[in-house]
PDB file of N, CA and C in Angstrom:
ATOM      1  N   MET A   1      -0.078 -16.948 -14.420  1.00  0.00           N
ATOM      2  CA  MET A   1      -0.690 -15.929 -15.240  1.00  0.00           C
ATOM      3  C   MET A   1       0.163 -15.659 -16.467  1.00  0.00           C
ATOM      4  N   GLU A   2       1.462 -15.629 -16.262  1.00  0.00           N
ATOM      5  CA  GLU A   2       2.358 -15.340 -17.376  1.00  0.00           C
ATOM      6  C   GLU A   2       2.245 -16.394 -18.472  1.00  0.00           C
ATOM      7  N   LYS A   3       2.137 -17.662 -18.079  1.00  0.00           N
ATOM      8  CA  LYS A   3       2.094 -18.725 -19.084  1.00  0.00           C
ATOM      9  C   LYS A   3       0.844 -18.641 -19.948  1.00  0.00           C
ATOM     10  N   TYR A   4      -0.210 -17.979 -19.451  1.00  0.00           N
ATOM     11  CA  TYR A   4      -1.438 -17.806 -20.229  1.00  0.00           C
ATOM     12  C   TYR A   4      -1.488 -16.460 -20.941  1.00  0.00           C
ATOM     13  N   GLY A   5      -0.414 -15.675 -20.824  1.00  0.00           N
ATOM     14  CA  GLY A   5      -0.376 -14.377 -21.480  1.00  0.00           C
ATOM     15  C   GLY A   5      -1.247 -13.338 -20.796  1.00  0.00           C
ATOM     16  N   LEU A   6      -1.427 -13.489 -19.498  1.00  0.00           N
ATOM     17  CA  LEU A   6      -2.291 -12.570 -18.767  1.00  0.00           C
ATOM     18  C   LEU A   6      -1.474 -11.482 -18.088  1.00  0.00           C
ATOM     19  N   GLY A   7      -1.859 -10.250 -18.331  1.00  0.00           N
ATOM     20  CA  GLY A   7      -1.227  -9.129 -17.665  1.00  0.00           C
ATOM     21  C   GLY A   7       0.212  -8.890 -18.078  1.00  0.00           C
ATOM     22  N   THR A   8       0.812  -7.939 -17.390  1.00  0.00           N
ATOM     23  CA  THR A   8       2.220  -7.611 -17.568  1.00  0.00           C
ATOM     24  C   THR A   8       2.901  -7.925 -16.240  1.00  0.00           C
ATOM     25  N   PRO A   9       4.228  -7.950 -16.217  1.00  0.00           N
ATOM     26  CA  PRO A   9       4.887  -8.199 -14.923  1.00  0.00           C
ATOM     27  C   PRO A   9       4.401  -7.250 -13.824  1.00  0.00           C
ATOM     28  N   ALA A  10       4.198  -5.987 -14.162  1.00  0.00           N
ATOM     29  CA  ALA A  10       3.749  -5.017 -13.156  1.00  0.00           C
ATOM     30  C   ALA A  10       2.325  -5.305 -12.698  1.00  0.00           C
ATOM     31  N   THR A  11       1.432  -5.600 -13.637  1.00  0.00           N
ATOM     32  CA  THR A  11       0.043  -5.849 -13.237  1.00  0.00           C
ATOM     33  C   THR A  11      -0.095  -7.184 -12.523  1.00  0.00           C
ATOM     34  N   ARG A  12       0.695  -8.174 -12.927  1.00  0.00           N
ATOM     35  CA  ARG A  12       0.638  -9.472 -12.243  1.00  0.00           C
ATOM     36  C   ARG A  12       1.055  -9.316 -10.785  1.00  0.00           C
ATOM     37  N   ALA A  13       2.124  -8.571 -10.545  1.00  0.00           N
ATOM     38  CA  ALA A  13       2.596  -8.356  -9.172  1.00  0.00           C
ATOM     39  C   ALA A  13       1.525  -7.642  -8.354  1.00  0.00           C
ATOM     40  N   ASP A  14       0.864  -6.660  -8.951  1.00  0.00           N
ATOM     41  CA  ASP A  14      -0.187  -5.912  -8.261  1.00  0.00           C
ATOM     42  C   ASP A  14      -1.383  -6.811  -7.951  1.00  0.00           C
ATOM     43  N   ILE A  15      -1.763  -7.642  -8.905  1.00  0.00           N
ATOM     44  CA  ILE A  15      -2.891  -8.557  -8.700  1.00  0.00           C
ATOM     45  C   ILE A  15      -2.580  -9.537  -7.575  1.00  0.00           C
ATOM     46  N   ILE A  16      -1.389 -10.094  -7.600  1.00  0.00           N
ATOM     47  CA  ILE A  16      -0.995 -11.047  -6.557  1.00  0.00           C
ATOM     48  C   ILE A  16      -1.003 -10.376  -5.188  1.00  0.00           C
ATOM     49  N   GLU A  17      -0.483  -9.161  -5.115  1.00  0.00           N
ATOM     50  CA  GLU A  17      -0.467  -8.432  -3.843  1.00  0.00           C
ATOM     51  C   GLU A  17      -1.886  -8.193  -3.332  1.00  0.00           C
ATOM     52  N   LYS A  18      -2.792  -7.818  -4.231  1.00  0.00           N
ATOM     53  CA  LYS A  18      -4.185  -7.587  -3.825  1.00  0.00           C
ATOM     54  C   LYS A  18      -4.839  -8.880  -3.343  1.00  0.00           C
ATOM     55  N   LEU A  19      -4.553  -9.988  -4.012  1.00  0.00           N
ATOM     56  CA  LEU A  19      -5.103 -11.278  -3.581  1.00  0.00           C
ATOM     57  C   LEU A  19      -4.570 -11.670  -2.205  1.00  0.00           C
ATOM     58  N   LEU A  20      -3.289 -11.394  -1.957  1.00  0.00           N
ATOM     59  CA  LEU A  20      -2.703 -11.672  -0.643  1.00  0.00           C
ATOM     60  C   LEU A  20      -3.344 -10.796   0.432  1.00  0.00           C
ATOM     61  N   GLN A  21      -3.492  -9.503   0.147  1.00  0.00           N
ATOM     62  CA  GLN A  21      -4.087  -8.577   1.113  1.00  0.00           C
ATOM     63  C   GLN A  21      -5.541  -8.927   1.413  1.00  0.00           C
ATOM     64  N   ALA A  22      -6.255  -9.409   0.405  1.00  0.00           N
ATOM     65  CA  ALA A  22      -7.662  -9.785   0.588  1.00  0.00           C
ATOM     66  C   ALA A  22      -7.804 -11.157   1.234  1.00  0.00           C
ATOM     67  N   GLU A  23      -6.669 -11.792   1.483  1.00  0.00           N
ATOM     68  CA  GLU A  23      -6.628 -13.134   2.072  1.00  0.00           C
ATOM     69  C   GLU A  23      -7.365 -14.162   1.212  1.00  0.00           C
ATOM     70  N   SER A  24      -7.279 -13.966  -0.118  1.00  0.00           N
ATOM     71  CA  SER A  24      -7.838 -14.932  -1.066  1.00  0.00           C
ATOM     72  C   SER A  24      -6.815 -16.003  -1.405  1.00  0.00           C
ATOM     73  N   VAL A  25      -5.532 -15.642  -1.290  1.00  0.00           N
ATOM     74  CA  VAL A  25      -4.439 -16.597  -1.488  1.00  0.00           C
ATOM     75  C   VAL A  25      -3.429 -16.420  -0.366  1.00  0.00           C
ATOM     76  N   GLN A  26      -2.592 -17.431  -0.208  1.00  0.00           N
ATOM     77  CA  GLN A  26      -1.499 -17.370   0.767  1.00  0.00           C
ATOM     78  C   GLN A  26      -0.274 -18.030   0.146  1.00  0.00           C
ATOM     79  N   ARG A  27       0.882 -17.647   0.641  1.00  0.00           N
ATOM     80  CA  ARG A  27       2.121 -18.281   0.180  1.00  0.00           C
ATOM     81  C   ARG A  27       2.422 -19.479   1.073  1.00  0.00           C
ATOM     82  N   ILE A  28       2.629 -20.619   0.434  1.00  0.00           N
ATOM     83  CA  ILE A  28       3.030 -21.830   1.141  1.00  0.00           C
ATOM     84  C   ILE A  28       4.222 -22.402   0.388  1.00  0.00           C
ATOM     85  N   ASN A  29       5.370 -22.443   1.071  1.00  0.00           N
ATOM     86  CA  ASN A  29       6.609 -22.940   0.452  1.00  0.00           C
ATOM     87  C   ASN A  29       6.900 -22.257  -0.881  1.00  0.00           C
ATOM     88  N   GLY A  30       6.691 -20.938  -0.921  1.00  0.00           N
ATOM     89  CA  GLY A  30       6.999 -20.164  -2.118  1.00  0.00           C
ATOM     90  C   GLY A  30       5.957 -20.250  -3.221  1.00  0.00           C
ATOM     91  N   ARG A  31       4.871 -20.949  -2.969  1.00  0.00           N
ATOM     92  CA  ARG A  31       3.808 -21.078  -3.972  1.00  0.00           C
ATOM     93  C   ARG A  31       2.561 -20.358  -3.484  1.00  0.00           C
ATOM     94  N   LEU A  32       1.770 -19.859  -4.420  1.00  0.00           N
ATOM     95  CA  LEU A  32       0.500 -19.233  -4.068  1.00  0.00           C
ATOM     96  C   LEU A  32      -0.585 -20.298  -4.043  1.00  0.00           C
ATOM     97  N   CYS A  33      -1.321 -20.347  -2.941  1.00  0.00           N
ATOM     98  CA  CYS A  33      -2.392 -21.332  -2.768  1.00  0.00           C
ATOM     99  C   CYS A  33      -3.649 -20.604  -2.314  1.00  0.00           C
ATOM    100  N   PRO A  34      -4.808 -21.033  -2.798  1.00  0.00           N
ATOM    101  CA  PRO A  34      -6.041 -20.378  -2.357  1.00  0.00           C
ATOM    102  C   PRO A  34      -6.336 -20.681  -0.891  1.00  0.00           C
ATOM    103  N   THR A  35      -6.852 -19.685  -0.207  1.00  0.00           N
ATOM    104  CA  THR A  35      -7.324 -19.869   1.166  1.00  0.00           C
ATOM    105  C   THR A  35      -8.758 -20.407   1.094  1.00  0.00           C
ATOM    106  N   ALA A  36      -9.349 -20.687   2.240  1.00  0.00           N
ATOM    107  CA  ALA A  36     -10.756 -21.114   2.265  1.00  0.00           C
ATOM    108  C   ALA A  36     -11.635 -20.031   1.639  1.00  0.00           C
ATOM    109  N   LYS A  37     -11.325 -18.781   1.962  1.00  0.00           N
ATOM    110  CA  LYS A  37     -12.069 -17.655   1.388  1.00  0.00           C
ATOM    111  C   LYS A  37     -11.898 -17.625  -0.133  1.00  0.00           C
ATOM    112  N   GLY A  38     -10.680 -17.842  -0.597  1.00  0.00           N
ATOM    113  CA  GLY A  38     -10.407 -17.861  -2.029  1.00  0.00           C
ATOM    114  C   GLY A  38     -11.139 -18.985  -2.733  1.00  0.00           C
ATOM    115  N   LYS A  39     -11.169 -20.151  -2.103  1.00  0.00           N
ATOM    116  CA  LYS A  39     -11.877 -21.297  -2.690  1.00  0.00           C
ATOM    117  C   LYS A  39     -13.371 -21.023  -2.781  1.00  0.00           C
ATOM    118  N   GLN A  40     -13.914 -20.371  -1.757  1.00  0.00           N
ATOM    119  CA  GLN A  40     -15.337 -20.032  -1.779  1.00  0.00           C
ATOM    120  C   GLN A  40     -15.630 -19.071  -2.927  1.00  0.00           C
ATOM    121  N   LEU A  41     -14.771 -18.085  -3.111  1.00  0.00           N
ATOM    122  CA  LEU A  41     -14.940 -17.133  -4.204  1.00  0.00           C
ATOM    123  C   LEU A  41     -14.865 -17.845  -5.555  1.00  0.00           C
ATOM    124  N   ILE A  42     -13.919 -18.751  -5.692  1.00  0.00           N
ATOM    125  CA  ILE A  42     -13.777 -19.518  -6.930  1.00  0.00           C
ATOM    126  C   ILE A  42     -15.065 -20.281  -7.228  1.00  0.00           C
ATOM    127  N   ASP A  43     -15.658 -20.871  -6.202  1.00  0.00           N
ATOM    128  CA  ASP A  43     -16.896 -21.627  -6.389  1.00  0.00           C
ATOM    129  C   ASP A  43     -18.062 -20.734  -6.799  1.00  0.00           C
ATOM    130  N   LEU A  44     -18.071 -19.495  -6.313  1.00  0.00           N
ATOM    131  CA  LEU A  44     -19.188 -18.587  -6.582  1.00  0.00           C
ATOM    132  C   LEU A  44     -19.113 -17.914  -7.948  1.00  0.00           C
ATOM    133  N   VAL A  45     -17.921 -17.711  -8.460  1.00  0.00           N
ATOM    134  CA  VAL A  45     -17.747 -16.964  -9.702  1.00  0.00           C
ATOM    135  C   VAL A  45     -18.116 -17.833 -10.903  1.00  0.00           C
ATOM    136  N   ASN A  46     -18.800 -17.218 -11.848  1.00  0.00           N
ATOM    137  CA  ASN A  46     -19.187 -17.890 -13.085  1.00  0.00           C
ATOM    138  C   ASN A  46     -17.959 -18.454 -13.793  1.00  0.00           C
ATOM    139  N   ASN A  47     -18.102 -19.644 -14.370  1.00  0.00           N
ATOM    140  CA  ASN A  47     -16.979 -20.313 -15.037  1.00  0.00           C
ATOM    141  C   ASN A  47     -16.341 -19.463 -16.128  1.00  0.00           C
ATOM    142  N   ASP A  48     -17.154 -18.718 -16.878  1.00  0.00           N
ATOM    143  CA  ASP A  48     -16.594 -17.874 -17.937  1.00  0.00           C
ATOM    144  C   ASP A  48     -15.626 -16.842 -17.370  1.00  0.00           C
ATOM    145  N   LEU A  49     -15.971 -16.284 -16.210  1.00  0.00           N
ATOM    146  CA  LEU A  49     -15.116 -15.256 -15.615  1.00  0.00           C
ATOM    147  C   LEU A  49     -13.844 -15.831 -15.012  1.00  0.00           C
ATOM    148  N   LYS A  50     -13.827 -17.124 -14.770  1.00  0.00           N
ATOM    149  CA  LYS A  50     -12.624 -17.783 -14.250  1.00  0.00           C
ATOM    150  C   LYS A  50     -11.718 -18.256 -15.374  1.00  0.00           C
ATOM    151  N   SER A  51     -12.157 -18.121 -16.585  1.00  0.00           N
ATOM    152  CA  SER A  51     -11.434 -18.651 -17.729  1.00  0.00           C
ATOM    153  C   SER A  51     -10.230 -17.780 -18.091  1.00  0.00           C
ATOM    154  N   ALA A  52      -9.069 -18.378 -18.074  1.00  0.00           N
ATOM    155  CA  ALA A  52      -7.869 -17.659 -18.516  1.00  0.00           C
ATOM    156  C   ALA A  52      -7.989 -17.317 -19.990  1.00  0.00           C
ATOM    157  N   ALA A  53      -8.667 -18.165 -20.743  1.00  0.00           N
ATOM    158  CA  ALA A  53      -8.835 -17.919 -22.181  1.00  0.00           C
ATOM    159  C   ALA A  53      -9.645 -16.650 -22.422  1.00  0.00           C
ATOM    160  N   LEU A  54     -10.705 -16.450 -21.641  1.00  0.00           N
ATOM    161  CA  LEU A  54     -11.518 -15.247 -21.802  1.00  0.00           C
ATOM    162  C   LEU A  54     -10.708 -14.004 -21.452  1.00  0.00           C
ATOM    163  N   THR A  55      -9.998 -14.052 -20.348  1.00  0.00           N
ATOM    164  CA  THR A  55      -9.173 -12.914 -19.937  1.00  0.00           C
ATOM    165  C   THR A  55      -8.104 -12.617 -20.980  1.00  0.00           C
ATOM    166  N   ALA A  56      -7.448 -13.646 -21.483  1.00  0.00           N
ATOM    167  CA  ALA A  56      -6.417 -13.459 -22.504  1.00  0.00           C
ATOM    168  C   ALA A  56      -7.021 -12.854 -23.768  1.00  0.00           C
ATOM    169  N   GLU A  57      -8.202 -13.308 -24.141  1.00  0.00           N
ATOM    170  CA  GLU A  57      -8.875 -12.759 -25.326  1.00  0.00           C
ATOM    171  C   GLU A  57      -9.186 -11.283 -25.134  1.00  0.00           C
ATOM    172  N   TRP A  58      -9.702 -10.919 -23.962  1.00  0.00           N
ATOM    173  CA  TRP A  58      -9.987  -9.512 -23.687  1.00  0.00           C
ATOM    174  C   TRP A  58      -8.707  -8.683 -23.730  1.00  0.00           C
ATOM    175  N   GLU A  59      -7.639  -9.180 -23.140  1.00  0.00           N
ATOM    176  CA  GLU A  59      -6.376  -8.444 -23.154  1.00  0.00           C
ATOM    177  C   GLU A  59      -5.847  -8.303 -24.572  1.00  0.00           C
ATOM    178  N   HIS A  60      -5.992  -9.346 -25.368  1.00  0.00           N
ATOM    179  CA  HIS A  60      -5.559  -9.303 -26.770  1.00  0.00           C
ATOM    180  C   HIS A  60      -6.343  -8.219 -27.520  1.00  0.00           C
ATOM    181  N   GLN A  61      -7.645  -8.184 -27.314  1.00  0.00           N
ATOM    182  CA  GLN A  61      -8.470  -7.166 -27.968  1.00  0.00           C
ATOM    183  C   GLN A  61      -8.086  -5.764 -27.503  1.00  0.00           C
ATOM    184  N   LEU A  62      -7.805  -5.608 -26.211  1.00  0.00           N
ATOM    185  CA  LEU A  62      -7.396  -4.300 -25.695  1.00  0.00           C
ATOM    186  C   LEU A  62      -6.057  -3.859 -26.281  1.00  0.00           C
ATOM    187  N   GLU A  63      -5.141  -4.797 -26.487  1.00  0.00           N
ATOM    188  CA  GLU A  63      -3.864  -4.474 -27.130  1.00  0.00           C
ATOM    189  C   GLU A  63      -4.099  -3.959 -28.543  1.00  0.00           C
ATOM    190  N   HIS A  64      -5.001  -4.603 -29.275  1.00  0.00           N
ATOM    191  CA  HIS A  64      -5.321  -4.151 -30.632  1.00  0.00           C
ATOM    192  C   HIS A  64      -5.909  -2.743 -30.605  1.00  0.00           C
ATOM    193  N   ILE A  65      -6.780  -2.490 -29.653  1.00  0.00           N
ATOM    194  CA  ILE A  65      -7.373  -1.161 -29.531  1.00  0.00           C
ATOM    195  C   ILE A  65      -6.288  -0.134 -29.227  1.00  0.00           C
ATOM    196  N   ALA A  66      -5.376  -0.465 -28.314  1.00  0.00           N
ATOM    197  CA  ALA A  66      -4.289   0.454 -27.950  1.00  0.00           C
ATOM    198  C   ALA A  66      -3.403   0.775 -29.146  1.00  0.00           C
ATOM    199  N   LYS A  67      -3.270  -0.181 -30.060  1.00  0.00           N
ATOM    200  CA  LYS A  67      -2.452   0.020 -31.261  1.00  0.00           C
ATOM    201  C   LYS A  67      -3.245   0.663 -32.393  1.00  0.00           C
ATOM    202  N   GLY A  68      -4.497   1.003 -32.135  1.00  0.00           N
ATOM    203  CA  GLY A  68      -5.328   1.633 -33.151  1.00  0.00           C
ATOM    204  C   GLY A  68      -5.900   0.656 -34.161  1.00  0.00           C
ATOM    205  N   LYS A  69      -5.824  -0.628 -33.873  1.00  0.00           N
ATOM    206  CA  LYS A  69      -6.285  -1.645 -34.819  1.00  0.00           C
ATOM    207  C   LYS A  69      -7.644  -2.224 -34.445  1.00  0.00           C
ATOM    208  N   GLY A  70      -8.168  -1.856 -33.302  1.00  0.00           N
ATOM    209  CA  GLY A  70      -9.444  -2.401 -32.850  1.00  0.00           C
ATOM    210  C   GLY A  70     -10.452  -1.301 -32.605  1.00  0.00           C
ATOM    211  N   ASN A  71     -11.694  -1.693 -32.483  1.00  0.00           N
ATOM    212  CA  ASN A  71     -12.780  -0.752 -32.275  1.00  0.00           C
ATOM    213  C   ASN A  71     -13.204  -0.785 -30.805  1.00  0.00           C
ATOM    214  N   PRO A  72     -12.934   0.283 -30.058  1.00  0.00           N
ATOM    215  CA  PRO A  72     -13.275   0.276 -28.635  1.00  0.00           C
ATOM    216  C   PRO A  72     -14.782   0.161 -28.381  1.00  0.00           C
ATOM    217  N   GLN A  73     -15.595   0.760 -29.250  1.00  0.00           N
ATOM    218  CA  GLN A  73     -17.041   0.669 -29.065  1.00  0.00           C
ATOM    219  C   GLN A  73     -17.520  -0.775 -29.231  1.00  0.00           C
ATOM    220  N   HIS A  74     -16.973  -1.472 -30.219  1.00  0.00           N
ATOM    221  CA  HIS A  74     -17.341  -2.869 -30.444  1.00  0.00           C
ATOM    222  C   HIS A  74     -16.947  -3.711 -29.229  1.00  0.00           C
ATOM    223  N   PHE A  75     -15.747  -3.472 -28.711  1.00  0.00           N
ATOM    224  CA  PHE A  75     -15.279  -4.207 -27.537  1.00  0.00           C
ATOM    225  C   PHE A  75     -16.201  -3.965 -26.345  1.00  0.00           C
ATOM    226  N   MET A  76     -16.539  -2.705 -26.098  1.00  0.00           N
ATOM    227  CA  MET A  76     -17.400  -2.378 -24.959  1.00  0.00           C
ATOM    228  C   MET A  76     -18.799  -2.962 -25.131  1.00  0.00           C
ATOM    229  N   THR A  77     -19.301  -2.991 -26.358  1.00  0.00           N
ATOM    230  CA  THR A  77     -20.604  -3.609 -26.612  1.00  0.00           C
ATOM    231  C   THR A  77     -20.571  -5.081 -26.240  1.00  0.00           C
ATOM    232  N   LYS A  78     -19.495  -5.765 -26.614  1.00  0.00           N
ATOM    233  CA  LYS A  78     -19.354  -7.183 -26.279  1.00  0.00           C
ATOM    234  C   LYS A  78     -19.261  -7.389 -24.765  1.00  0.00           C
ATOM    235  N   ILE A  79     -18.528  -6.520 -24.081  1.00  0.00           N
ATOM    236  CA  ILE A  79     -18.383  -6.617 -22.626  1.00  0.00           C
ATOM    237  C   ILE A  79     -19.741  -6.396 -21.952  1.00  0.00           C
ATOM    238  N   ARG A  80     -20.467  -5.384 -22.405  1.00  0.00           N
ATOM    239  CA  ARG A  80     -21.790  -5.113 -21.824  1.00  0.00           C
ATOM    240  C   ARG A  80     -22.737  -6.293 -22.043  1.00  0.00           C
ATOM    241  N   LYS A  81     -22.701  -6.860 -23.243  1.00  0.00           N
ATOM    242  CA  LYS A  81     -23.557  -8.008 -23.553  1.00  0.00           C
ATOM    243  C   LYS A  81     -23.215  -9.186 -22.636  1.00  0.00           C
ATOM    244  N   LYS A  82     -21.925  -9.450 -22.463  1.00  0.00           N
ATOM    245  CA  LYS A  82     -21.484 -10.541 -21.596  1.00  0.00           C
ATOM    246  C   LYS A  82     -21.896 -10.276 -20.149  1.00  0.00           C
ATOM    247  N   THR A  83     -21.738  -9.040 -19.705  1.00  0.00           N
ATOM    248  CA  THR A  83     -22.118  -8.663 -18.343  1.00  0.00           C
ATOM    249  C   THR A  83     -23.612  -8.870 -18.126  1.00  0.00           C
ATOM    250  N   GLN A  84     -24.418  -8.447 -19.087  1.00  0.00           N
ATOM    251  CA  GLN A  84     -25.865  -8.613 -18.964  1.00  0.00           C
ATOM    252  C   GLN A  84     -26.239 -10.090 -18.927  1.00  0.00           C
ATOM    253  N   GLN A  85     -25.572 -10.893 -19.736  1.00  0.00           N
ATOM    254  CA  GLN A  85     -25.807 -12.338 -19.736  1.00  0.00           C
ATOM    255  C   GLN A  85     -25.517 -12.926 -18.353  1.00  0.00           C
ATOM    256  N   LEU A  86     -24.395 -12.531 -17.760  1.00  0.00           N
ATOM    257  CA  LEU A  86     -24.025 -13.040 -16.438  1.00  0.00           C
ATOM    258  C   LEU A  86     -25.007 -12.581 -15.363  1.00  0.00           C
ATOM    259  N   ILE A  87     -25.444 -11.340 -15.452  1.00  0.00           N
ATOM    260  CA  ILE A  87     -26.433 -10.822 -14.496  1.00  0.00           C
ATOM    261  C   ILE A  87     -27.728 -11.615 -14.604  1.00  0.00           C
ATOM    262  N   ASN A  88     -28.158 -11.873 -15.836  1.00  0.00           N
ATOM    263  CA  ASN A  88     -29.389 -12.646 -16.036  1.00  0.00           C
ATOM    264  C   ASN A  88     -29.256 -14.058 -15.472  1.00  0.00           C
ATOM    265  N   GLU A  89     -28.085 -14.658 -15.622  1.00  0.00           N
ATOM    266  CA  GLU A  89     -27.858 -15.992 -15.063  1.00  0.00           C
ATOM    267  C   GLU A  89     -27.961 -15.974 -13.540  1.00  0.00           C
ATOM    268  N   VAL A  90     -27.388 -14.946 -12.920  1.00  0.00           N
ATOM    269  CA  VAL A  90     -27.460 -14.831 -11.460  1.00  0.00           C
ATOM    270  C   VAL A  90     -28.909 -14.645 -11.022  1.00  0.00           C
ATOM    271  N   LYS A  91     -29.635 -13.776 -11.714  1.00  0.00           N
ATOM    272  CA  LYS A  91     -31.038 -13.548 -11.370  1.00  0.00           C
ATOM    273  C   LYS A  91     -31.848 -14.831 -11.512  1.00  0.00           C
ATOM    274  N   SER A  92     -31.593 -15.584 -12.564  1.00  0.00           N
ATOM    275  CA  SER A  92     -32.312 -16.847 -12.778  1.00  0.00           C
ATOM    276  C   SER A  92     -31.997 -17.849 -11.682  1.00  0.00           C
ATOM    277  N   SER A  93     -30.747 -17.902 -11.269  1.00  0.00           N
ATOM    278  CA  SER A  93     -30.357 -18.862 -10.234  1.00  0.00           C
ATOM    279  C   SER A  93     -30.929 -18.483  -8.873  1.00  0.00           C
ATOM    280  N   GLU A  94     -31.163 -17.193  -8.643  1.00  0.00           N
ATOM    281  CA  GLU A  94     -31.748 -16.750  -7.378  1.00  0.00           C
ATOM    282  C   GLU A  94     -33.201 -17.184  -7.263  1.00  0.00           C
ATOM    283  N   LYS A  95     -33.875 -17.365  -8.391  1.00  0.00           N
ATOM    284  CA  LYS A  95     -35.288 -17.742  -8.392  1.00  0.00           C
ATOM    285  C   LYS A  95     -35.483 -19.224  -8.114  1.00  0.00           C
ATOM    286  N   THR A  96     -34.442 -20.009  -8.332  1.00  0.00           N
ATOM    287  CA  THR A  96     -34.581 -21.460  -8.147  1.00  0.00           C
ATOM    288  C   THR A  96     -34.123 -21.902  -6.782  1.00  0.00           C
TER     289      THR A  96
END
């Protein structure tokens, strides 16, 4: 996560702990590896939501907003639009 500029040391540790508690990942020889449950979740989640680039972009935009350089309403509009797009994709896939 760090190499992609995702999160802070504190949030990364919290995310990893939550993934371990949810049994989505496990430690093997000091490395984090997905469990069967984690792999299933990875397969189910839309590719855009798995993208480190998308997450990094959102975090970058949030940093700008925190510094007073970004527009929070514009950011939220984009998030809502993306969410609606993903919901529509799920609904379409349920029909087929």
